Amino acid sequence: MIAGHFGFAAAVKSRERQVSLWALMLATVWLDIVFVPLFLSGIETIAPVPQTHGGYGNLVIHADYTHSLVGALALSVLFGTAFSRRWGWRSAWVLAFVSFSHWLLDLIVHRADMPILPGNIGGLPKLGFGLWRMQSVVIGMEFALVLAGAWFYWRAARSVTVAAGRQEWRAALAGTLVLVLGLLVLALDVTGILD
């Protein structure tokens, strides 16, 4: 779902122009960035779905801290707060929301492997609608998010360049770059290179 996260961030950028695109892109993968050291230390793990070799949509992610509902909320608020002095509280809340959107999109595709409380304290049921069981649907959903993100980003870039009296090719280039990079990330993810 990596490309879908980036597509969503590009779409948000089209509406929240005061927030830097790099910060939005970082926000949308913040939970995964925090996941990496926990994974490397063995605290959080990834395992292939039984009877598969893993890969796109065939992994069970045991991210009981970074991808728990409460953990994701806390990490998202922390991320947004870190930018509050730089860009103000409105931008901080936008960044926190984009960071938490990662959990919301993961909820749709993950199998029931996302706990409510960090560490799955109390053994509450784990969440996840499991759309990854239908890989072609998820690929289509990610493709749509990338296309929508590139479209909204291009439209916003176009209106800014026209208003500033600049040539429209700059907006076309920006939108095309967002689209091409999003599709490249999707292709790398689907082929298993990013796993």
C-alpha atoms as a PDB file:
ATOM      1  CA  MET A   1       0.000   0.000   0.000  1.00  0.00           C
ATOM      2  CA  ILE A   2       3.057   2.259  -0.174  1.00  0.00           C
ATOM      3  CA  ALA A   3       2.088   3.955  -3.441  1.00  0.00           C
ATOM      4  CA  GLY A   4      -1.456   4.527  -2.200  1.00  0.00           C
ATOM      5  CA  HIS A   5      -0.116   6.327   0.864  1.00  0.00           C
ATOM      6  CA  PHE A   6       1.964   8.620  -1.345  1.00  0.00           C
ATOM      7  CA  GLY A   7      -0.996   9.272  -3.653  1.00  0.00           C
ATOM      8  CA  PHE A   8      -3.081  10.353  -0.682  1.00  0.00           C
ATOM      9  CA  ALA A   9      -0.315  12.720   0.491  1.00  0.00           C
ATOM     10  CA  ALA A  10      -0.133  14.323  -2.971  1.00  0.00           C
ATOM     11  CA  ALA A  11      -3.901  14.838  -2.940  1.00  0.00           C
ATOM     12  CA  VAL A  12      -3.704  16.512   0.484  1.00  0.00           C
ATOM     13  CA  LYS A  13      -0.938  18.792  -0.819  1.00  0.00           C
ATOM     14  CA  SER A  14      -3.346  20.091  -3.438  1.00  0.00           C
ATOM     15  CA  ARG A  15      -5.583  21.437  -0.655  1.00  0.00           C
ATOM     16  CA  GLU A  16      -3.012  22.318   1.993  1.00  0.00           C
ATOM     17  CA  ARG A  17      -0.483  24.327   0.022  1.00  0.00           C
ATOM     18  CA  GLN A  18       1.291  25.734   3.080  1.00  0.00           C
ATOM     19  CA  VAL A  19       2.563  22.264   4.021  1.00  0.00           C
ATOM     20  CA  SER A  20       5.620  21.039   2.163  1.00  0.00           C
ATOM     21  CA  LEU A  21       5.162  18.005  -0.086  1.00  0.00           C
ATOM     22  CA  TRP A  22       8.225  16.324   1.431  1.00  0.00           C
ATOM     23  CA  ALA A  23       6.696  16.650   4.913  1.00  0.00           C
ATOM     24  CA  LEU A  24       3.411  15.149   3.710  1.00  0.00           C
ATOM     25  CA  MET A  25       5.246  12.252   2.044  1.00  0.00           C
ATOM     26  CA  LEU A  26       7.256  11.692   5.210  1.00  0.00           C
ATOM     27  CA  ALA A  27       4.085  11.868   7.322  1.00  0.00           C
ATOM     28  CA  THR A  28       2.321   9.236   5.274  1.00  0.00           C
ATOM     29  CA  VAL A  29       5.067   6.656   5.889  1.00  0.00           C
ATOM     30  CA  TRP A  30       5.976   7.788   9.424  1.00  0.00           C
ATOM     31  CA  LEU A  31       4.497   4.656  11.035  1.00  0.00           C
ATOM     32  CA  ASP A  32       6.599   2.471   8.743  1.00  0.00           C
ATOM     33  CA  ILE A  33       9.716   4.538   9.459  1.00  0.00           C
ATOM     34  CA  VAL A  34       9.261   3.945  13.187  1.00  0.00           C
ATOM     35  CA  PHE A  35       8.520   0.285  12.406  1.00  0.00           C
ATOM     36  CA  VAL A  36      11.981  -0.270  10.845  1.00  0.00           C
ATOM     37  CA  PRO A  37      14.131  -0.074  14.015  1.00  0.00           C
ATOM     38  CA  LEU A  38      11.533  -2.111  15.916  1.00  0.00           C
ATOM     39  CA  PHE A  39      11.622  -4.710  13.128  1.00  0.00           C
ATOM     40  CA  LEU A  40      15.430  -4.764  13.073  1.00  0.00           C
ATOM     41  CA  SER A  41      15.483  -5.309  16.839  1.00  0.00           C
ATOM     42  CA  GLY A  42      12.898  -8.121  16.602  1.00  0.00           C
ATOM     43  CA  ILE A  43      10.212  -6.274  18.576  1.00  0.00           C
ATOM     44  CA  GLU A  44       7.903  -6.120  15.549  1.00  0.00           C
ATOM     45  CA  THR A  45       7.981  -8.803  12.854  1.00  0.00           C
ATOM     46  CA  ILE A  46       6.682  -9.779   9.437  1.00  0.00           C
ATOM     47  CA  ALA A  47       5.698 -13.322   8.459  1.00  0.00           C
ATOM     48  CA  PRO A  48       4.369 -14.729   5.188  1.00  0.00           C
ATOM     49  CA  VAL A  49       0.741 -15.784   5.119  1.00  0.00           C
ATOM     50  CA  PRO A  50       0.683 -19.594   5.489  1.00  0.00           C
ATOM     51  CA  GLN A  51       0.896 -21.437   2.153  1.00  0.00           C
ATOM     52  CA  THR A  52       2.422 -18.391   0.409  1.00  0.00           C
ATOM     53  CA  HIS A  53       5.912 -17.082  -0.205  1.00  0.00           C
ATOM     54  CA  GLY A  54       5.008 -13.637   1.133  1.00  0.00           C
ATOM     55  CA  GLY A  55       5.237 -10.635  -1.133  1.00  0.00           C
ATOM     56  CA  TYR A  56       2.588  -8.082  -2.004  1.00  0.00           C
ATOM     57  CA  GLY A  57      -0.486  -8.692   0.128  1.00  0.00           C
ATOM     58  CA  ASN A  58       0.732 -12.024   1.456  1.00  0.00           C
ATOM     59  CA  LEU A  59       2.353 -10.868   4.668  1.00  0.00           C
ATOM     60  CA  VAL A  60       1.099 -10.753   8.229  1.00  0.00           C
ATOM     61  CA  ILE A  61       2.669  -7.768   9.930  1.00  0.00           C
ATOM     62  CA  HIS A  62       3.093  -8.035  13.675  1.00  0.00           C
ATOM     63  CA  ALA A  63       3.505  -4.303  14.277  1.00  0.00           C
ATOM     64  CA  ASP A  64       1.864  -4.308  17.685  1.00  0.00           C
ATOM     65  CA  TYR A  65       3.217  -0.889  18.636  1.00  0.00           C
ATOM     66  CA  THR A  66       3.524   1.224  15.483  1.00  0.00           C
ATOM     67  CA  HIS A  67       0.351  -0.066  13.843  1.00  0.00           C
ATOM     68  CA  SER A  68      -1.874  -0.408  16.886  1.00  0.00           C
ATOM     69  CA  LEU A  69      -4.746   2.077  16.888  1.00  0.00           C
ATOM     70  CA  VAL A  70      -3.537   3.894  20.007  1.00  0.00           C
ATOM     71  CA  GLY A  71       0.128   3.665  18.957  1.00  0.00           C
ATOM     72  CA  ALA A  72      -0.640   5.099  15.509  1.00  0.00           C
ATOM     73  CA  LEU A  73      -2.613   7.961  17.065  1.00  0.00           C
ATOM     74  CA  ALA A  74       0.230   8.761  19.481  1.00  0.00           C
ATOM     75  CA  LEU A  75       2.919   8.587  16.780  1.00  0.00           C
ATOM     76  CA  SER A  76       0.813  10.760  14.459  1.00  0.00           C
ATOM     77  CA  VAL A  77       0.262  13.444  17.101  1.00  0.00           C
ATOM     78  CA  LEU A  78       3.989  13.334  17.916  1.00  0.00           C
ATOM     79  CA  PHE A  79       4.859  13.767  14.229  1.00  0.00           C
ATOM     80  CA  GLY A  80       2.496  16.697  13.757  1.00  0.00           C
ATOM     81  CA  THR A  81       3.617  18.381  16.953  1.00  0.00           C
ATOM     82  CA  ALA A  82       7.242  18.213  15.799  1.00  0.00           C
ATOM     83  CA  PHE A  83       6.337  20.577  12.928  1.00  0.00           C
ATOM     84  CA  SER A  84       4.086  22.946  14.881  1.00  0.00           C
ATOM     85  CA  ARG A  85       6.793  25.543  15.525  1.00  0.00           C
ATOM     86  CA  ARG A  86       7.932  25.502  11.909  1.00  0.00           C
ATOM     87  CA  TRP A  87       4.548  25.805  10.171  1.00  0.00           C
ATOM     88  CA  GLY A  88       1.980  26.433  12.908  1.00  0.00           C
ATOM     89  CA  TRP A  89      -0.737  24.311  14.448  1.00  0.00           C
ATOM     90  CA  ARG A  90      -2.946  24.015  11.366  1.00  0.00           C
ATOM     91  CA  SER A  91      -0.116  22.424   9.410  1.00  0.00           C
ATOM     92  CA  ALA A  92       0.769  20.284  12.412  1.00  0.00           C
ATOM     93  CA  TRP A  93      -2.766  18.877  12.523  1.00  0.00           C
ATOM     94  CA  VAL A  94      -2.720  18.260   8.755  1.00  0.00           C
ATOM     95  CA  LEU A  95       0.550  16.340   9.126  1.00  0.00           C
ATOM     96  CA  ALA A  96      -0.841  14.370  12.067  1.00  0.00           C
ATOM     97  CA  PHE A  97      -3.935  13.492  10.026  1.00  0.00           C
ATOM     98  CA  VAL A  98      -1.865  12.410   7.013  1.00  0.00           C
ATOM     99  CA  SER A  99       0.288  10.306   9.307  1.00  0.00           C
ATOM    100  CA  PHE A 100      -2.800   8.644  10.799  1.00  0.00           C
ATOM    101  CA  SER A 101      -4.264   8.115   7.318  1.00  0.00           C
ATOM    102  CA  HIS A 102      -1.578   5.448   6.984  1.00  0.00           C
ATOM    103  CA  TRP A 103      -3.305   3.413   9.693  1.00  0.00           C
ATOM    104  CA  LEU A 104      -6.740   3.995   8.141  1.00  0.00           C
ATOM    105  CA  LEU A 105      -5.609   2.800   4.699  1.00  0.00           C
ATOM    106  CA  ASP A 106      -3.805  -0.159   6.270  1.00  0.00           C
ATOM    107  CA  LEU A 107      -7.010  -1.054   8.137  1.00  0.00           C
ATOM    108  CA  ILE A 108      -8.702  -1.606   4.775  1.00  0.00           C
ATOM    109  CA  VAL A 109      -6.034  -3.884   3.301  1.00  0.00           C
ATOM    110  CA  HIS A 110      -4.416  -5.664   6.268  1.00  0.00           C
ATOM    111  CA  ARG A 111      -5.639  -8.965   7.518  1.00  0.00           C
ATOM    112  CA  ALA A 112      -6.695  -8.847  11.173  1.00  0.00           C
ATOM    113  CA  ASP A 113      -3.171  -8.099  12.403  1.00  0.00           C
ATOM    114  CA  MET A 114      -3.528  -4.544  13.767  1.00  0.00           C
ATOM    115  CA  PRO A 115      -4.144  -4.365  17.536  1.00  0.00           C
ATOM    116  CA  ILE A 116      -6.128  -1.669  19.297  1.00  0.00           C
ATOM    117  CA  LEU A 117      -3.639  -1.149  22.154  1.00  0.00           C
ATOM    118  CA  PRO A 118       0.166  -1.118  21.861  1.00  0.00           C
ATOM    119  CA  GLY A 119       1.630  -4.557  22.449  1.00  0.00           C
ATOM    120  CA  ASN A 120      -1.888  -5.965  22.135  1.00  0.00           C
ATOM    121  CA  ILE A 121      -2.340  -5.406  25.879  1.00  0.00           C
ATOM    122  CA  GLY A 122      -5.472  -7.150  27.089  1.00  0.00           C
ATOM    123  CA  GLY A 123      -5.658  -9.412  24.059  1.00  0.00           C
ATOM    124  CA  LEU A 124      -8.388  -7.362  22.384  1.00  0.00           C
ATOM    125  CA  PRO A 125      -9.400  -8.426  18.874  1.00  0.00           C
ATOM    126  CA  LYS A 126      -7.020  -7.312  16.133  1.00  0.00           C
ATOM    127  CA  LEU A 127      -8.343  -5.187  13.288  1.00  0.00           C
ATOM    128  CA  GLY A 128      -8.079  -5.387   9.516  1.00  0.00           C
ATOM    129  CA  PHE A 129     -10.617  -5.881   6.729  1.00  0.00           C
ATOM    130  CA  GLY A 130      -8.262  -8.132   4.724  1.00  0.00           C
ATOM    131  CA  LEU A 131      -8.676  -6.640   1.262  1.00  0.00           C
ATOM    132  CA  TRP A 132      -5.173  -7.918   0.472  1.00  0.00           C
ATOM    133  CA  ARG A 133      -6.831 -11.288  -0.102  1.00  0.00           C
ATOM    134  CA  MET A 134      -8.004  -9.753  -3.397  1.00  0.00           C
ATOM    135  CA  GLN A 135      -4.715  -8.416  -4.733  1.00  0.00           C
ATOM    136  CA  SER A 136      -6.101  -7.131  -8.027  1.00  0.00           C
ATOM    137  CA  VAL A 137      -8.640  -5.000  -6.132  1.00  0.00           C
ATOM    138  CA  VAL A 138      -5.913  -3.532  -3.921  1.00  0.00           C
ATOM    139  CA  ILE A 139      -3.653  -2.865  -6.905  1.00  0.00           C
ATOM    140  CA  GLY A 140      -6.577  -1.071  -8.568  1.00  0.00           C
ATOM    141  CA  MET A 141      -7.241   0.891  -5.379  1.00  0.00           C
ATOM    142  CA  GLU A 142      -3.594   1.948  -5.113  1.00  0.00           C
ATOM    143  CA  PHE A 143      -3.521   2.843  -8.796  1.00  0.00           C
ATOM    144  CA  ALA A 144      -6.622   5.003  -8.289  1.00  0.00           C
ATOM    145  CA  LEU A 145      -5.034   6.735  -5.278  1.00  0.00           C
ATOM    146  CA  VAL A 146      -1.871   7.468  -7.283  1.00  0.00           C
ATOM    147  CA  LEU A 147      -3.891   8.788 -10.238  1.00  0.00           C
ATOM    148  CA  ALA A 148      -6.122  10.904  -8.013  1.00  0.00           C
ATOM    149  CA  GLY A 149      -3.137  12.256  -6.064  1.00  0.00           C
ATOM    150  CA  ALA A 150      -1.285  13.160  -9.274  1.00  0.00           C
ATOM    151  CA  TRP A 151      -4.431  14.732 -10.756  1.00  0.00           C
ATOM    152  CA  PHE A 152      -5.207  16.881  -7.716  1.00  0.00           C
ATOM    153  CA  TYR A 153      -1.541  17.814  -7.342  1.00  0.00           C
ATOM    154  CA  TRP A 154      -1.312  18.792 -11.025  1.00  0.00           C
ATOM    155  CA  ARG A 155      -4.476  20.915 -10.809  1.00  0.00           C
ATOM    156  CA  ALA A 156      -3.169  22.747  -7.749  1.00  0.00           C
ATOM    157  CA  ALA A 157       0.270  23.239  -9.290  1.00  0.00           C
ATOM    158  CA  ARG A 158      -1.355  24.547 -12.471  1.00  0.00           C
ATOM    159  CA  SER A 159      -3.450  27.111 -10.625  1.00  0.00           C
ATOM    160  CA  VAL A 160      -0.399  28.319  -8.692  1.00  0.00           C
ATOM    161  CA  THR A 161       1.772  28.623 -11.807  1.00  0.00           C
ATOM    162  CA  VAL A 162      -0.945  30.402 -13.787  1.00  0.00           C
ATOM    163  CA  ALA A 163      -1.633  32.795 -10.906  1.00  0.00           C
ATOM    164  CA  ALA A 164       2.084  33.555 -10.657  1.00  0.00           C
ATOM    165  CA  GLY A 165       2.301  34.196 -14.407  1.00  0.00           C
ATOM    166  CA  ARG A 166       4.604  31.228 -14.968  1.00  0.00           C
ATOM    167  CA  GLN A 167       4.460  28.791 -17.836  1.00  0.00           C
ATOM    168  CA  GLU A 168       2.075  25.866 -17.434  1.00  0.00           C
ATOM    169  CA  TRP A 169       4.688  23.284 -18.427  1.00  0.00           C
ATOM    170  CA  ARG A 170       6.051  23.504 -14.869  1.00  0.00           C
ATOM    171  CA  ALA A 171       2.749  22.271 -13.476  1.00  0.00           C
ATOM    172  CA  ALA A 172       2.572  19.531 -16.106  1.00  0.00           C
ATOM    173  CA  LEU A 173       6.072  18.438 -15.185  1.00  0.00           C
ATOM    174  CA  ALA A 174       5.255  18.404 -11.453  1.00  0.00           C
ATOM    175  CA  GLY A 175       2.071  16.372 -11.974  1.00  0.00           C
ATOM    176  CA  THR A 176       3.824  13.979 -14.336  1.00  0.00           C
ATOM    177  CA  LEU A 177       6.654  13.421 -11.856  1.00  0.00           C
ATOM    178  CA  VAL A 178       4.195  12.658  -9.060  1.00  0.00           C
ATOM    179  CA  LEU A 179       2.344  10.215 -11.339  1.00  0.00           C
ATOM    180  CA  VAL A 180       5.447   8.471 -12.698  1.00  0.00           C
ATOM    181  CA  LEU A 181       7.079   8.133  -9.285  1.00  0.00           C
ATOM    182  CA  GLY A 182       3.829   6.867  -7.767  1.00  0.00           C
ATOM    183  CA  LEU A 183       3.412   4.257 -10.491  1.00  0.00           C
ATOM    184  CA  LEU A 184       7.054   3.242 -10.127  1.00  0.00           C
ATOM    185  CA  VAL A 185       6.603   2.710  -6.379  1.00  0.00           C
ATOM    186  CA  LEU A 186       3.423   0.715  -7.065  1.00  0.00           C
ATOM    187  CA  ALA A 187       5.228  -1.473  -9.605  1.00  0.00           C
ATOM    188  CA  LEU A 188       8.145  -2.076  -7.220  1.00  0.00           C
ATOM    189  CA  ASP A 189       5.735  -2.913  -4.408  1.00  0.00           C
ATOM    190  CA  VAL A 190       3.621  -5.315  -6.481  1.00  0.00           C
ATOM    191  CA  THR A 191       6.673  -7.133  -7.850  1.00  0.00           C
ATOM    192  CA  GLY A 192       7.997  -7.612  -4.331  1.00  0.00           C
ATOM    193  CA  ILE A 193      11.098  -5.474  -4.694  1.00  0.00           C
ATOM    194  CA  LEU A 194       9.989  -3.226  -1.802  1.00  0.00           C
ATOM    195  CA  ASP A 195       9.119  -6.148   0.508  1.00  0.00           C
END
